[in-house]
Amino acid sequence: MPSRSLLYLLVGALGVVVIVLGYRLYEEERKPDGVEISIGQHGVSIEKN
């Protein structure tokens, strides 16, 4: 039977993975849909989202 500290470590690692994946999904959903046009030093940039 694994020790308690190993189980706590595994549960903590799984918690971190869930938080990171949730944040990445949130960031993807936050991005606007459509076309983004920006004007900078290198000229006009058009990006399809």
N, C-alpha and C. Protein backbone atom coordinates (compact mmCIF):
# COMPACT_ATOMS: atom_id res chain seq x y z
N MET A 1 0.85 -1.19 0.00
CA MET A 1 0.00 0.00 0.00
C MET A 1 0.89 1.24 0.00
N PRO A 2 0.65 2.16 -0.94
CA PRO A 2 1.48 3.38 -0.99
C PRO A 2 1.31 4.22 0.26
N SER A 3 2.34 4.96 0.54
CA SER A 3 2.28 5.81 1.73
C SER A 3 1.33 6.99 1.50
N ARG A 4 0.90 7.58 2.61
CA ARG A 4 -0.04 8.71 2.51
C ARG A 4 0.57 9.89 1.78
N SER A 5 1.85 10.15 2.00
CA SER A 5 2.47 11.31 1.35
C SER A 5 2.48 11.13 -0.17
N LEU A 6 2.67 9.90 -0.64
CA LEU A 6 2.63 9.66 -2.08
C LEU A 6 1.22 9.89 -2.63
N LEU A 7 0.22 9.45 -1.90
CA LEU A 7 -1.16 9.67 -2.34
C LEU A 7 -1.48 11.17 -2.36
N TYR A 8 -1.04 11.90 -1.35
CA TYR A 8 -1.26 13.35 -1.33
C TYR A 8 -0.56 14.02 -2.52
N LEU A 9 0.63 13.55 -2.84
CA LEU A 9 1.38 14.10 -3.97
C LEU A 9 0.64 13.84 -5.28
N LEU A 10 0.12 12.63 -5.45
CA LEU A 10 -0.62 12.31 -6.67
C LEU A 10 -1.91 13.13 -6.79
N VAL A 11 -2.63 13.26 -5.70
CA VAL A 11 -3.86 14.05 -5.71
C VAL A 11 -3.54 15.52 -6.01
N GLY A 12 -2.48 16.03 -5.43
CA GLY A 12 -2.07 17.41 -5.70
C GLY A 12 -1.67 17.61 -7.15
N ALA A 13 -0.92 16.65 -7.71
CA ALA A 13 -0.50 16.76 -9.11
C ALA A 13 -1.71 16.71 -10.03
N LEU A 14 -2.67 15.83 -9.74
CA LEU A 14 -3.88 15.79 -10.55
C LEU A 14 -4.66 17.09 -10.44
N GLY A 15 -4.70 17.68 -9.27
CA GLY A 15 -5.37 18.96 -9.09
C GLY A 15 -4.73 20.05 -9.92
N VAL A 16 -3.41 20.08 -9.95
CA VAL A 16 -2.69 21.08 -10.75
C VAL A 16 -2.99 20.88 -12.24
N VAL A 17 -3.01 19.63 -12.69
CA VAL A 17 -3.30 19.35 -14.10
C VAL A 17 -4.71 19.83 -14.45
N VAL A 18 -5.67 19.56 -13.60
CA VAL A 18 -7.05 19.99 -13.86
C VAL A 18 -7.14 21.51 -13.92
N ILE A 19 -6.46 22.19 -13.02
CA ILE A 19 -6.48 23.66 -13.00
C ILE A 19 -5.85 24.23 -14.27
N VAL A 20 -4.71 23.69 -14.67
CA VAL A 20 -4.01 24.20 -15.87
C VAL A 20 -4.85 23.95 -17.12
N LEU A 21 -5.41 22.76 -17.25
CA LEU A 21 -6.24 22.48 -18.43
C LEU A 21 -7.50 23.34 -18.44
N GLY A 22 -8.09 23.56 -17.30
CA GLY A 22 -9.25 24.43 -17.22
C GLY A 22 -8.93 25.86 -17.61
N TYR A 23 -7.79 26.35 -17.18
CA TYR A 23 -7.38 27.71 -17.53
C TYR A 23 -7.13 27.83 -19.03
N ARG A 24 -6.48 26.83 -19.61
CA ARG A 24 -6.22 26.88 -21.06
C ARG A 24 -7.52 26.85 -21.85
N LEU A 25 -8.48 26.05 -21.41
CA LEU A 25 -9.78 26.01 -22.08
C LEU A 25 -10.48 27.35 -21.95
N TYR A 26 -10.40 27.95 -20.77
CA TYR A 26 -11.01 29.27 -20.55
C TYR A 26 -10.39 30.31 -21.49
N GLU A 27 -9.08 30.30 -21.64
CA GLU A 27 -8.40 31.26 -22.52
C GLU A 27 -8.82 31.05 -23.98
N GLU A 28 -8.95 29.80 -24.40
CA GLU A 28 -9.38 29.54 -25.78
C GLU A 28 -10.80 30.05 -26.02
N GLU A 29 -11.67 29.88 -25.06
CA GLU A 29 -13.06 30.32 -25.21
C GLU A 29 -13.16 31.84 -25.19
N ARG A 30 -12.22 32.50 -24.55
CA ARG A 30 -12.25 33.96 -24.43
C ARG A 30 -11.84 34.66 -25.71
N LYS A 31 -11.11 33.98 -26.58
CA LYS A 31 -10.64 34.62 -27.81
C LYS A 31 -11.82 35.02 -28.68
N PRO A 32 -11.78 36.20 -29.26
CA PRO A 32 -12.88 36.63 -30.13
C PRO A 32 -12.87 35.85 -31.45
N ASP A 33 -14.06 35.59 -32.00
CA ASP A 33 -14.18 34.93 -33.29
C ASP A 33 -14.17 35.99 -34.38
N GLY A 34 -13.69 35.61 -35.55
CA GLY A 34 -13.71 36.50 -36.69
C GLY A 34 -12.33 36.86 -37.17
N VAL A 35 -12.17 38.10 -37.62
CA VAL A 35 -10.93 38.57 -38.21
C VAL A 35 -10.36 39.67 -37.33
N GLU A 36 -9.05 39.57 -37.10
CA GLU A 36 -8.36 40.60 -36.31
C GLU A 36 -7.41 41.36 -37.24
N ILE A 37 -7.55 42.67 -37.27
CA ILE A 37 -6.70 43.52 -38.11
C ILE A 37 -5.89 44.41 -37.18
N SER A 38 -4.56 44.37 -37.34
CA SER A 38 -3.71 45.23 -36.52
C SER A 38 -2.70 45.93 -37.41
N ILE A 39 -2.34 47.14 -37.00
CA ILE A 39 -1.37 47.95 -37.73
C ILE A 39 -0.20 48.19 -36.80
N GLY A 40 0.99 47.77 -37.23
CA GLY A 40 2.17 47.91 -36.39
C GLY A 40 3.37 48.37 -37.21
N GLN A 41 4.55 48.16 -36.65
CA GLN A 41 5.78 48.58 -37.30
C GLN A 41 6.02 47.84 -38.61
N HIS A 42 5.52 46.62 -38.72
CA HIS A 42 5.76 45.80 -39.91
C HIS A 42 4.61 45.90 -40.90
N GLY A 43 3.75 46.85 -40.74
CA GLY A 43 2.64 47.05 -41.67
C GLY A 43 1.33 46.53 -41.14
N VAL A 44 0.43 46.22 -42.04
CA VAL A 44 -0.91 45.76 -41.68
C VAL A 44 -0.88 44.24 -41.57
N SER A 45 -1.50 43.74 -40.50
CA SER A 45 -1.57 42.30 -40.26
C SER A 45 -3.04 41.90 -40.15
N ILE A 46 -3.44 40.90 -40.92
CA ILE A 46 -4.80 40.39 -40.86
C ILE A 46 -4.73 38.93 -40.42
N GLU A 47 -5.44 38.60 -39.35
CA GLU A 47 -5.41 37.24 -38.81
C GLU A 47 -6.82 36.74 -38.63
N LYS A 48 -7.08 35.55 -39.17
CA LYS A 48 -8.40 34.92 -39.01
C LYS A 48 -8.38 34.09 -37.74
N ASN A 49 -9.37 34.29 -36.88
CA ASN A 49 -9.43 33.54 -35.62
C ASN A 49 -10.31 32.34 -35.78
